[in-house]
């Protein structure tokens, strides 16, 4: 077995095209982006690629990967099945798995279904549950965004734009909505707008996976069955998957590690790249 070659690759899984990108050097780490329905590019981590071979998958329903015929088929367990197919296809030593946000739901499901398949699990800005409590907290945090940034008129429009984005019915409006609400995902987008504007302009989203209307995710009662060494990373200012959810993961998963990024929102790999990279490289060296 050997590590995959750098570059862009495709494989057919369950009759659907799965596209993925390989970059970096070192131990293998498969990366599952958030969403559902987001393009993978926002999660590119060049600093981490200096230490790990990263395999960024494009989730089904996005980018160059195939699409499912029915929106209701975009479920966490479906994403986990495609993830398993990709890991088997790579035919490499046990990988690490990094799941961000919704990708963290997929990563939790995968670790529960395949307890011996991974070298380590990295749950990045995610939660062990969604549902009413989760969304009420997220929306309340979003409503406070204008108070946190009183000098930014754009902040006042974001709570309504978020609701409109959730109701989008086509890829274009979904993408435009994502770009409109993106500042909410940072501790202070406007303090770094010159650097972050290109990312904002390039963000893409696909409405199919967003329309899945999947039942709430909840694995709280199963967390003690996660036997894979686990690192949990949370941003202190993350409005949607904040540190309360990260600590809940930490309390539920035996022998897990928890790292709080004090100056980050939902995208600590961009906001605090040095601390983010140190946390992951330290973890992977420890459990390798």
C-alpha atoms as a PDB file:
ATOM      1  CA  UNK A   1       0.000   0.000   0.000  1.00  0.00           C
ATOM      2  CA  UNK A   2       1.174   3.544  -0.753  1.00  0.00           C
ATOM      3  CA  UNK A   3      -0.078   7.094  -0.479  1.00  0.00           C
ATOM      4  CA  UNK A   4      -2.212   8.470  -3.329  1.00  0.00           C
ATOM      5  CA  UNK A   5      -0.620  10.617  -6.011  1.00  0.00           C
ATOM      6  CA  UNK A   6      -1.019  14.402  -5.780  1.00  0.00           C
ATOM      7  CA  UNK A   7      -3.618  15.964  -8.046  1.00  0.00           C
ATOM      8  CA  UNK A   8      -7.308  15.615  -8.878  1.00  0.00           C
ATOM      9  CA  UNK A   9      -8.828  12.162  -9.196  1.00  0.00           C
ATOM     10  CA  UNK A  10     -12.218  10.511  -9.659  1.00  0.00           C
ATOM     11  CA  UNK A  11     -13.641   7.121  -8.792  1.00  0.00           C
ATOM     12  CA  UNK A  12     -17.092   5.631  -9.351  1.00  0.00           C
ATOM     13  CA  UNK A  13     -18.761   4.656  -6.066  1.00  0.00           C
ATOM     14  CA  UNK A  14     -22.244   3.121  -5.958  1.00  0.00           C
ATOM     15  CA  UNK A  15     -22.599   4.178  -9.588  1.00  0.00           C
ATOM     16  CA  UNK A  16     -21.895   7.844  -8.763  1.00  0.00           C
ATOM     17  CA  UNK A  17     -18.738   9.777  -9.598  1.00  0.00           C
ATOM     18  CA  UNK A  18     -16.678  10.787  -6.545  1.00  0.00           C
ATOM     19  CA  UNK A  19     -14.069  13.487  -7.125  1.00  0.00           C
ATOM     20  CA  UNK A  20     -11.184  14.143  -4.738  1.00  0.00           C
ATOM     21  CA  UNK A  21      -7.964  16.134  -4.534  1.00  0.00           C
ATOM     22  CA  UNK A  22      -4.635  15.059  -3.029  1.00  0.00           C
ATOM     23  CA  UNK A  23      -2.026  17.524  -1.740  1.00  0.00           C
ATOM     24  CA  UNK A  24       0.793  17.572   0.788  1.00  0.00           C
ATOM     25  CA  UNK A  25       3.138  15.019   2.300  1.00  0.00           C
ATOM     26  CA  UNK A  26       3.215  12.903   5.424  1.00  0.00           C
ATOM     27  CA  UNK A  27       0.596  10.649   7.038  1.00  0.00           C
ATOM     28  CA  UNK A  28      -2.717  10.380   5.214  1.00  0.00           C
ATOM     29  CA  UNK A  29      -5.700  12.469   6.320  1.00  0.00           C
ATOM     30  CA  UNK A  30      -9.058  12.412   4.516  1.00  0.00           C
ATOM     31  CA  UNK A  31     -10.913  15.739   4.743  1.00  0.00           C
ATOM     32  CA  UNK A  32     -14.711  16.007   4.576  1.00  0.00           C
ATOM     33  CA  UNK A  33     -16.014  19.587   4.094  1.00  0.00           C
ATOM     34  CA  UNK A  34     -19.107  21.075   5.664  1.00  0.00           C
ATOM     35  CA  UNK A  35     -22.424  22.140   4.245  1.00  0.00           C
ATOM     36  CA  UNK A  36     -24.230  20.171   3.138  1.00  0.00           C
ATOM     37  CA  UNK A  37     -23.841  21.542  -0.339  1.00  0.00           C
ATOM     38  CA  UNK A  38     -20.645  23.608  -0.071  1.00  0.00           C
ATOM     39  CA  UNK A  39     -17.726  23.517  -2.458  1.00  0.00           C
ATOM     40  CA  UNK A  40     -14.621  21.993  -0.891  1.00  0.00           C
ATOM     41  CA  UNK A  41     -12.198  24.804  -1.705  1.00  0.00           C
ATOM     42  CA  UNK A  42     -12.892  26.921   1.399  1.00  0.00           C
ATOM     43  CA  UNK A  43     -11.320  24.149   3.503  1.00  0.00           C
ATOM     44  CA  UNK A  44      -7.968  24.077   1.706  1.00  0.00           C
ATOM     45  CA  UNK A  45      -5.261  23.976   4.407  1.00  0.00           C
ATOM     46  CA  UNK A  46      -1.824  24.643   2.865  1.00  0.00           C
ATOM     47  CA  UNK A  47      -0.092  24.920   6.244  1.00  0.00           C
ATOM     48  CA  UNK A  48      -1.337  21.486   7.233  1.00  0.00           C
ATOM     49  CA  UNK A  49      -0.271  20.065   3.870  1.00  0.00           C
ATOM     50  CA  UNK A  50       3.336  20.593   4.996  1.00  0.00           C
ATOM     51  CA  UNK A  51       2.785  17.856   7.594  1.00  0.00           C
ATOM     52  CA  UNK A  52       0.061  15.583   6.238  1.00  0.00           C
ATOM     53  CA  UNK A  53      -1.077  14.187   2.900  1.00  0.00           C
ATOM     54  CA  UNK A  54      -4.573  15.616   2.661  1.00  0.00           C
ATOM     55  CA  UNK A  55      -7.292  14.015   0.552  1.00  0.00           C
ATOM     56  CA  UNK A  56     -10.035  16.603   0.092  1.00  0.00           C
ATOM     57  CA  UNK A  57     -13.211  14.984  -1.153  1.00  0.00           C
ATOM     58  CA  UNK A  58     -15.907  16.840  -3.026  1.00  0.00           C
ATOM     59  CA  UNK A  59     -19.088  15.569  -1.363  1.00  0.00           C
ATOM     60  CA  UNK A  60     -21.673  14.078  -3.664  1.00  0.00           C
ATOM     61  CA  UNK A  61     -24.011  16.730  -4.986  1.00  0.00           C
ATOM     62  CA  UNK A  62     -21.236  19.348  -5.209  1.00  0.00           C
ATOM     63  CA  UNK A  63     -18.570  20.404  -7.678  1.00  0.00           C
ATOM     64  CA  UNK A  64     -17.258  17.694  -9.992  1.00  0.00           C
ATOM     65  CA  UNK A  65     -18.787  14.824  -8.021  1.00  0.00           C
ATOM     66  CA  UNK A  66     -21.974  13.164  -9.172  1.00  0.00           C
ATOM     67  CA  UNK A  67     -25.425  14.164  -7.991  1.00  0.00           C
ATOM     68  CA  UNK A  68     -28.176  12.010  -6.522  1.00  0.00           C
ATOM     69  CA  UNK A  69     -31.567  11.935  -8.199  1.00  0.00           C
ATOM     70  CA  UNK A  70     -33.576  12.728  -5.049  1.00  0.00           C
ATOM     71  CA  UNK A  71     -32.767  15.460  -2.495  1.00  0.00           C
ATOM     72  CA  UNK A  72     -33.925  13.225   0.355  1.00  0.00           C
ATOM     73  CA  UNK A  73     -31.079  10.824  -0.425  1.00  0.00           C
ATOM     74  CA  UNK A  74     -28.492  13.349   0.794  1.00  0.00           C
ATOM     75  CA  UNK A  75     -28.269  11.986   4.333  1.00  0.00           C
ATOM     76  CA  UNK A  76     -25.424  11.682   6.825  1.00  0.00           C
ATOM     77  CA  UNK A  77     -25.381   7.912   6.442  1.00  0.00           C
ATOM     78  CA  UNK A  78     -25.209   8.267   2.647  1.00  0.00           C
ATOM     79  CA  UNK A  79     -22.227  10.611   2.871  1.00  0.00           C
ATOM     80  CA  UNK A  80     -20.600   8.130   5.275  1.00  0.00           C
ATOM     81  CA  UNK A  81     -21.081   5.330   2.746  1.00  0.00           C
ATOM     82  CA  UNK A  82     -19.345   7.359   0.038  1.00  0.00           C
ATOM     83  CA  UNK A  83     -16.592   8.261   2.471  1.00  0.00           C
ATOM     84  CA  UNK A  84     -16.058   4.566   3.212  1.00  0.00           C
ATOM     85  CA  UNK A  85     -15.934   3.778  -0.482  1.00  0.00           C
ATOM     86  CA  UNK A  86     -13.272   6.428  -1.018  1.00  0.00           C
ATOM     87  CA  UNK A  87     -11.151   5.224   1.912  1.00  0.00           C
ATOM     88  CA  UNK A  88     -11.329   1.665   0.591  1.00  0.00           C
ATOM     89  CA  UNK A  89     -10.415   2.912  -2.884  1.00  0.00           C
ATOM     90  CA  UNK A  90      -7.341   4.711  -1.557  1.00  0.00           C
ATOM     91  CA  UNK A  91      -6.047   1.350  -0.273  1.00  0.00           C
ATOM     92  CA  UNK A  92      -3.562   3.161   1.959  1.00  0.00           C
ATOM     93  CA  UNK A  93      -2.533   2.780   5.613  1.00  0.00           C
ATOM     94  CA  UNK A  94      -5.180   3.744   8.173  1.00  0.00           C
ATOM     95  CA  UNK A  95      -5.921   7.428   7.566  1.00  0.00           C
ATOM     96  CA  UNK A  96      -6.807  10.224   9.894  1.00  0.00           C
ATOM     97  CA  UNK A  97     -10.235  11.704   9.200  1.00  0.00           C
ATOM     98  CA  UNK A  98     -11.004  15.412   9.552  1.00  0.00           C
ATOM     99  CA  UNK A  99     -14.647  16.443   9.387  1.00  0.00           C
ATOM    100  CA  UNK A 100     -15.638  20.106   9.443  1.00  0.00           C
ATOM    101  CA  UNK A 101     -19.121  21.252  10.507  1.00  0.00           C
ATOM    102  CA  UNK A 102     -21.633  18.992   8.677  1.00  0.00           C
ATOM    103  CA  UNK A 103     -18.611  16.964   7.620  1.00  0.00           C
ATOM    104  CA  UNK A 104     -18.079  16.398  11.330  1.00  0.00           C
ATOM    105  CA  UNK A 105     -21.495  14.704  11.500  1.00  0.00           C
ATOM    106  CA  UNK A 106     -20.347  12.417   8.695  1.00  0.00           C
ATOM    107  CA  UNK A 107     -17.035  11.765  10.459  1.00  0.00           C
ATOM    108  CA  UNK A 108     -18.801  10.837  13.709  1.00  0.00           C
ATOM    109  CA  UNK A 109     -21.101   8.449  11.864  1.00  0.00           C
ATOM    110  CA  UNK A 110     -18.144   6.911  10.061  1.00  0.00           C
ATOM    111  CA  UNK A 111     -16.109   6.421  13.252  1.00  0.00           C
ATOM    112  CA  UNK A 112     -19.093   4.706  14.883  1.00  0.00           C
ATOM    113  CA  UNK A 113     -19.693   2.440  11.893  1.00  0.00           C
ATOM    114  CA  UNK A 114     -16.006   1.605  11.293  1.00  0.00           C
ATOM    115  CA  UNK A 115     -14.253   1.725  14.676  1.00  0.00           C
ATOM    116  CA  UNK A 116     -11.059   0.033  13.455  1.00  0.00           C
ATOM    117  CA  UNK A 117     -10.678   1.920  10.171  1.00  0.00           C
ATOM    118  CA  UNK A 118      -9.005   5.152  11.324  1.00  0.00           C
ATOM    119  CA  UNK A 119      -5.713   6.204  12.885  1.00  0.00           C
ATOM    120  CA  UNK A 120      -7.419   9.222  14.435  1.00  0.00           C
ATOM    121  CA  UNK A 121     -10.508  11.401  14.230  1.00  0.00           C
ATOM    122  CA  UNK A 122     -10.483  15.221  14.042  1.00  0.00           C
ATOM    123  CA  UNK A 123     -13.850  16.865  14.707  1.00  0.00           C
ATOM    124  CA  UNK A 124     -13.582  20.497  13.694  1.00  0.00           C
ATOM    125  CA  UNK A 125     -16.308  23.008  14.593  1.00  0.00           C
ATOM    126  CA  UNK A 126     -19.088  20.450  14.749  1.00  0.00           C
ATOM    127  CA  UNK A 127     -21.674  19.033  17.157  1.00  0.00           C
ATOM    128  CA  UNK A 128     -23.063  15.687  18.329  1.00  0.00           C
ATOM    129  CA  UNK A 129     -26.601  16.898  17.663  1.00  0.00           C
ATOM    130  CA  UNK A 130     -28.772  19.266  15.674  1.00  0.00           C
ATOM    131  CA  UNK A 131     -32.498  19.733  16.204  1.00  0.00           C
ATOM    132  CA  UNK A 132     -34.491  22.483  17.900  1.00  0.00           C
ATOM    133  CA  UNK A 133     -32.043  23.366  20.686  1.00  0.00           C
ATOM    134  CA  UNK A 134     -29.123  23.509  18.262  1.00  0.00           C
ATOM    135  CA  UNK A 135     -30.896  25.780  15.793  1.00  0.00           C
ATOM    136  CA  UNK A 136     -32.430  28.034  18.426  1.00  0.00           C
ATOM    137  CA  UNK A 137     -28.973  28.672  19.849  1.00  0.00           C
ATOM    138  CA  UNK A 138     -27.481  29.298  16.410  1.00  0.00           C
ATOM    139  CA  UNK A 139     -30.215  31.753  15.419  1.00  0.00           C
ATOM    140  CA  UNK A 140     -29.954  33.575  18.741  1.00  0.00           C
ATOM    141  CA  UNK A 141     -26.212  33.942  18.222  1.00  0.00           C
ATOM    142  CA  UNK A 142     -26.847  35.207  14.708  1.00  0.00           C
ATOM    143  CA  UNK A 143     -29.350  37.789  15.955  1.00  0.00           C
ATOM    144  CA  UNK A 144     -26.606  39.175  18.213  1.00  0.00           C
ATOM    145  CA  UNK A 145     -24.221  39.681  15.300  1.00  0.00           C
ATOM    146  CA  UNK A 146     -25.234  43.337  14.711  1.00  0.00           C
ATOM    147  CA  UNK A 147     -24.553  44.058  18.401  1.00  0.00           C
ATOM    148  CA  UNK A 148     -21.083  42.529  18.137  1.00  0.00           C
ATOM    149  CA  UNK A 149     -20.307  44.652  15.063  1.00  0.00           C
ATOM    150  CA  UNK A 150     -22.271  47.896  15.542  1.00  0.00           C
ATOM    151  CA  UNK A 151     -20.163  49.791  13.020  1.00  0.00           C
ATOM    152  CA  UNK A 152     -20.912  47.380  10.187  1.00  0.00           C
ATOM    153  CA  UNK A 153     -24.228  47.979   8.381  1.00  0.00           C
ATOM    154  CA  UNK A 154     -23.776  44.701   6.520  1.00  0.00           C
ATOM    155  CA  UNK A 155     -24.017  42.772   9.805  1.00  0.00           C
ATOM    156  CA  UNK A 156     -27.606  43.930  10.378  1.00  0.00           C
ATOM    157  CA  UNK A 157     -28.788  42.256   7.165  1.00  0.00           C
ATOM    158  CA  UNK A 158     -27.190  38.866   7.813  1.00  0.00           C
ATOM    159  CA  UNK A 159     -29.851  37.258  10.081  1.00  0.00           C
ATOM    160  CA  UNK A 160     -32.539  37.744   7.428  1.00  0.00           C
ATOM    161  CA  UNK A 161     -30.137  36.716   4.646  1.00  0.00           C
ATOM    162  CA  UNK A 162     -29.446  33.485   6.533  1.00  0.00           C
ATOM    163  CA  UNK A 163     -33.136  32.559   6.510  1.00  0.00           C
ATOM    164  CA  UNK A 164     -33.389  33.412   2.818  1.00  0.00           C
ATOM    165  CA  UNK A 165     -30.368  31.232   2.048  1.00  0.00           C
ATOM    166  CA  UNK A 166     -31.970  28.273   3.811  1.00  0.00           C
ATOM    167  CA  UNK A 167     -35.017  28.770   1.571  1.00  0.00           C
ATOM    168  CA  UNK A 168     -33.030  29.025  -1.698  1.00  0.00           C
ATOM    169  CA  UNK A 169     -34.365  26.928  -4.567  1.00  0.00           C
ATOM    170  CA  UNK A 170     -31.520  27.075  -7.105  1.00  0.00           C
ATOM    171  CA  UNK A 171     -27.742  26.938  -7.103  1.00  0.00           C
ATOM    172  CA  UNK A 172     -27.265  30.584  -8.005  1.00  0.00           C
ATOM    173  CA  UNK A 173     -29.426  31.986  -5.214  1.00  0.00           C
ATOM    174  CA  UNK A 174     -27.930  29.477  -2.807  1.00  0.00           C
ATOM    175  CA  UNK A 175     -24.414  30.608  -3.742  1.00  0.00           C
ATOM    176  CA  UNK A 176     -25.268  34.295  -3.527  1.00  0.00           C
ATOM    177  CA  UNK A 177     -26.903  33.741  -0.148  1.00  0.00           C
ATOM    178  CA  UNK A 178     -23.846  31.903   1.149  1.00  0.00           C
ATOM    179  CA  UNK A 179     -21.606  34.788   0.118  1.00  0.00           C
ATOM    180  CA  UNK A 180     -23.958  37.269   1.798  1.00  0.00           C
ATOM    181  CA  UNK A 181     -23.870  35.473   5.153  1.00  0.00           C
ATOM    182  CA  UNK A 182     -20.216  34.393   5.122  1.00  0.00           C
ATOM    183  CA  UNK A 183     -19.033  37.172   7.519  1.00  0.00           C
ATOM    184  CA  UNK A 184     -21.091  35.535  10.281  1.00  0.00           C
ATOM    185  CA  UNK A 185     -18.777  32.538  10.191  1.00  0.00           C
ATOM    186  CA  UNK A 186     -15.753  34.574  11.319  1.00  0.00           C
ATOM    187  CA  UNK A 187     -14.918  36.138  14.667  1.00  0.00           C
ATOM    188  CA  UNK A 188     -14.429  39.459  12.835  1.00  0.00           C
ATOM    189  CA  UNK A 189     -14.656  39.236   9.052  1.00  0.00           C
ATOM    190  CA  UNK A 190     -14.461  42.976   8.529  1.00  0.00           C
ATOM    191  CA  UNK A 191     -11.142  43.313  10.364  1.00  0.00           C
ATOM    192  CA  UNK A 192      -9.627  41.031   7.707  1.00  0.00           C
ATOM    193  CA  UNK A 193     -11.885  41.805   4.761  1.00  0.00           C
ATOM    194  CA  UNK A 194      -9.064  42.572   2.342  1.00  0.00           C
ATOM    195  CA  UNK A 195      -7.652  39.078   2.838  1.00  0.00           C
ATOM    196  CA  UNK A 196     -10.982  37.254   2.978  1.00  0.00           C
ATOM    197  CA  UNK A 197     -12.867  38.952   0.135  1.00  0.00           C
ATOM    198  CA  UNK A 198     -11.390  36.656  -2.566  1.00  0.00           C
ATOM    199  CA  UNK A 199     -12.555  33.590  -0.629  1.00  0.00           C
ATOM    200  CA  UNK A 200     -16.014  35.093  -0.277  1.00  0.00           C
ATOM    201  CA  UNK A 201     -16.219  35.780  -3.994  1.00  0.00           C
ATOM    202  CA  UNK A 202     -15.210  32.208  -4.841  1.00  0.00           C
ATOM    203  CA  UNK A 203     -17.550  30.341  -2.467  1.00  0.00           C
ATOM    204  CA  UNK A 204     -20.039  28.029  -4.200  1.00  0.00           C
ATOM    205  CA  UNK A 205     -23.056  26.087  -3.010  1.00  0.00           C
ATOM    206  CA  UNK A 206     -25.435  23.510  -4.471  1.00  0.00           C
ATOM    207  CA  UNK A 207     -29.069  23.527  -3.441  1.00  0.00           C
ATOM    208  CA  UNK A 208     -29.763  19.786  -3.845  1.00  0.00           C
ATOM    209  CA  UNK A 209     -27.982  18.646  -0.661  1.00  0.00           C
ATOM    210  CA  UNK A 210     -29.439  21.597   1.270  1.00  0.00           C
ATOM    211  CA  UNK A 211     -32.973  20.459   0.412  1.00  0.00           C
ATOM    212  CA  UNK A 212     -32.533  17.005   1.959  1.00  0.00           C
ATOM    213  CA  UNK A 213     -34.750  17.848   4.977  1.00  0.00           C
ATOM    214  CA  UNK A 214     -33.012  15.113   6.950  1.00  0.00           C
ATOM    215  CA  UNK A 215     -34.149  14.297  10.510  1.00  0.00           C
ATOM    216  CA  UNK A 216     -32.059  15.939  13.252  1.00  0.00           C
ATOM    217  CA  UNK A 217     -28.619  14.458  13.806  1.00  0.00           C
ATOM    218  CA  UNK A 218     -28.093  13.073  17.310  1.00  0.00           C
ATOM    219  CA  UNK A 219     -25.382  10.642  18.426  1.00  0.00           C
ATOM    220  CA  UNK A 220     -25.044  11.848  22.024  1.00  0.00           C
ATOM    221  CA  UNK A 221     -25.963   8.450  23.439  1.00  0.00           C
ATOM    222  CA  UNK A 222     -23.379   6.742  21.205  1.00  0.00           C
ATOM    223  CA  UNK A 223     -20.322   8.898  21.835  1.00  0.00           C
ATOM    224  CA  UNK A 224     -18.866   6.579  24.465  1.00  0.00           C
ATOM    225  CA  UNK A 225     -18.620   3.941  21.716  1.00  0.00           C
ATOM    226  CA  UNK A 226     -16.128   6.051  19.726  1.00  0.00           C
ATOM    227  CA  UNK A 227     -12.856   4.204  20.308  1.00  0.00           C
ATOM    228  CA  UNK A 228     -10.799   6.127  17.747  1.00  0.00           C
ATOM    229  CA  UNK A 229      -8.342   8.660  19.237  1.00  0.00           C
ATOM    230  CA  UNK A 230     -10.145  11.983  18.793  1.00  0.00           C
ATOM    231  CA  UNK A 231      -9.214  15.657  18.645  1.00  0.00           C
ATOM    232  CA  UNK A 232     -12.019  18.219  18.939  1.00  0.00           C
ATOM    233  CA  UNK A 233     -11.419  21.803  17.767  1.00  0.00           C
ATOM    234  CA  UNK A 234     -13.895  24.620  18.426  1.00  0.00           C
ATOM    235  CA  UNK A 235     -13.856  28.327  17.679  1.00  0.00           C
ATOM    236  CA  UNK A 236     -14.762  30.521  20.640  1.00  0.00           C
ATOM    237  CA  UNK A 237     -16.908  32.807  18.426  1.00  0.00           C
ATOM    238  CA  UNK A 238     -18.516  30.130  16.244  1.00  0.00           C
ATOM    239  CA  UNK A 239     -22.207  31.060  16.076  1.00  0.00           C
ATOM    240  CA  UNK A 240     -23.429  27.703  14.739  1.00  0.00           C
ATOM    241  CA  UNK A 241     -21.166  24.970  16.162  1.00  0.00           C
ATOM    242  CA  UNK A 242     -19.719  26.808  19.127  1.00  0.00           C
ATOM    243  CA  UNK A 243     -17.607  25.530  22.004  1.00  0.00           C
ATOM    244  CA  UNK A 244     -20.578  24.248  24.025  1.00  0.00           C
ATOM    245  CA  UNK A 245     -21.080  21.585  21.360  1.00  0.00           C
ATOM    246  CA  UNK A 246     -17.365  20.861  21.184  1.00  0.00           C
ATOM    247  CA  UNK A 247     -17.201  20.356  24.932  1.00  0.00           C
ATOM    248  CA  UNK A 248     -20.219  18.058  24.718  1.00  0.00           C
ATOM    249  CA  UNK A 249     -18.273  15.944  22.223  1.00  0.00           C
ATOM    250  CA  UNK A 250     -15.222  16.015  24.491  1.00  0.00           C
ATOM    251  CA  UNK A 251     -17.239  14.922  27.527  1.00  0.00           C
ATOM    252  CA  UNK A 252     -18.879  12.097  25.567  1.00  0.00           C
ATOM    253  CA  UNK A 253     -15.917  10.635  23.678  1.00  0.00           C
ATOM    254  CA  UNK A 254     -13.513   8.727  25.941  1.00  0.00           C
ATOM    255  CA  UNK A 255      -9.887   9.924  25.993  1.00  0.00           C
ATOM    256  CA  UNK A 256     -10.588  12.765  23.544  1.00  0.00           C
ATOM    257  CA  UNK A 257      -8.666  16.043  23.421  1.00  0.00           C
ATOM    258  CA  UNK A 258     -10.306  19.471  23.198  1.00  0.00           C
ATOM    259  CA  UNK A 259      -8.731  22.623  21.752  1.00  0.00           C
ATOM    260  CA  UNK A 260     -10.430  26.031  21.874  1.00  0.00           C
ATOM    261  CA  UNK A 261      -9.347  28.627  19.310  1.00  0.00           C
ATOM    262  CA  UNK A 262      -9.893  31.856  21.231  1.00  0.00           C
ATOM    263  CA  UNK A 263      -9.902  34.222  18.242  1.00  0.00           C
ATOM    264  CA  UNK A 264     -11.853  32.153  15.733  1.00  0.00           C
ATOM    265  CA  UNK A 265     -15.384  31.637  14.557  1.00  0.00           C
ATOM    266  CA  UNK A 266     -16.334  28.684  12.340  1.00  0.00           C
ATOM    267  CA  UNK A 267     -13.190  28.818  10.209  1.00  0.00           C
ATOM    268  CA  UNK A 268     -10.195  28.627  12.501  1.00  0.00           C
ATOM    269  CA  UNK A 269      -7.937  27.221   9.772  1.00  0.00           C
ATOM    270  CA  UNK A 270      -8.187  30.701   8.208  1.00  0.00           C
ATOM    271  CA  UNK A 271      -8.429  32.825  11.353  1.00  0.00           C
ATOM    272  CA  UNK A 272      -5.757  31.140  13.506  1.00  0.00           C
ATOM    273  CA  UNK A 273      -3.846  28.926  11.075  1.00  0.00           C
ATOM    274  CA  UNK A 274      -0.768  28.513  13.276  1.00  0.00           C
ATOM    275  CA  UNK A 275      -2.710  27.393  16.357  1.00  0.00           C
ATOM    276  CA  UNK A 276      -4.967  25.211  14.210  1.00  0.00           C
ATOM    277  CA  UNK A 277      -2.017  23.500  12.532  1.00  0.00           C
ATOM    278  CA  UNK A 278      -0.131  23.022  15.808  1.00  0.00           C
ATOM    279  CA  UNK A 279      -3.154  21.355  17.391  1.00  0.00           C
ATOM    280  CA  UNK A 280      -3.541  18.866  14.562  1.00  0.00           C
ATOM    281  CA  UNK A 281       0.129  18.083  14.016  1.00  0.00           C
ATOM    282  CA  UNK A 282       0.632  17.585  17.754  1.00  0.00           C
ATOM    283  CA  UNK A 283      -2.334  15.204  17.836  1.00  0.00           C
ATOM    284  CA  UNK A 284      -1.293  13.199  14.785  1.00  0.00           C
ATOM    285  CA  UNK A 285       2.266  12.795  16.092  1.00  0.00           C
ATOM    286  CA  UNK A 286       0.965  11.590  19.439  1.00  0.00           C
ATOM    287  CA  UNK A 287      -1.361   8.907  18.097  1.00  0.00           C
ATOM    288  CA  UNK A 288       0.581   7.842  14.993  1.00  0.00           C
END
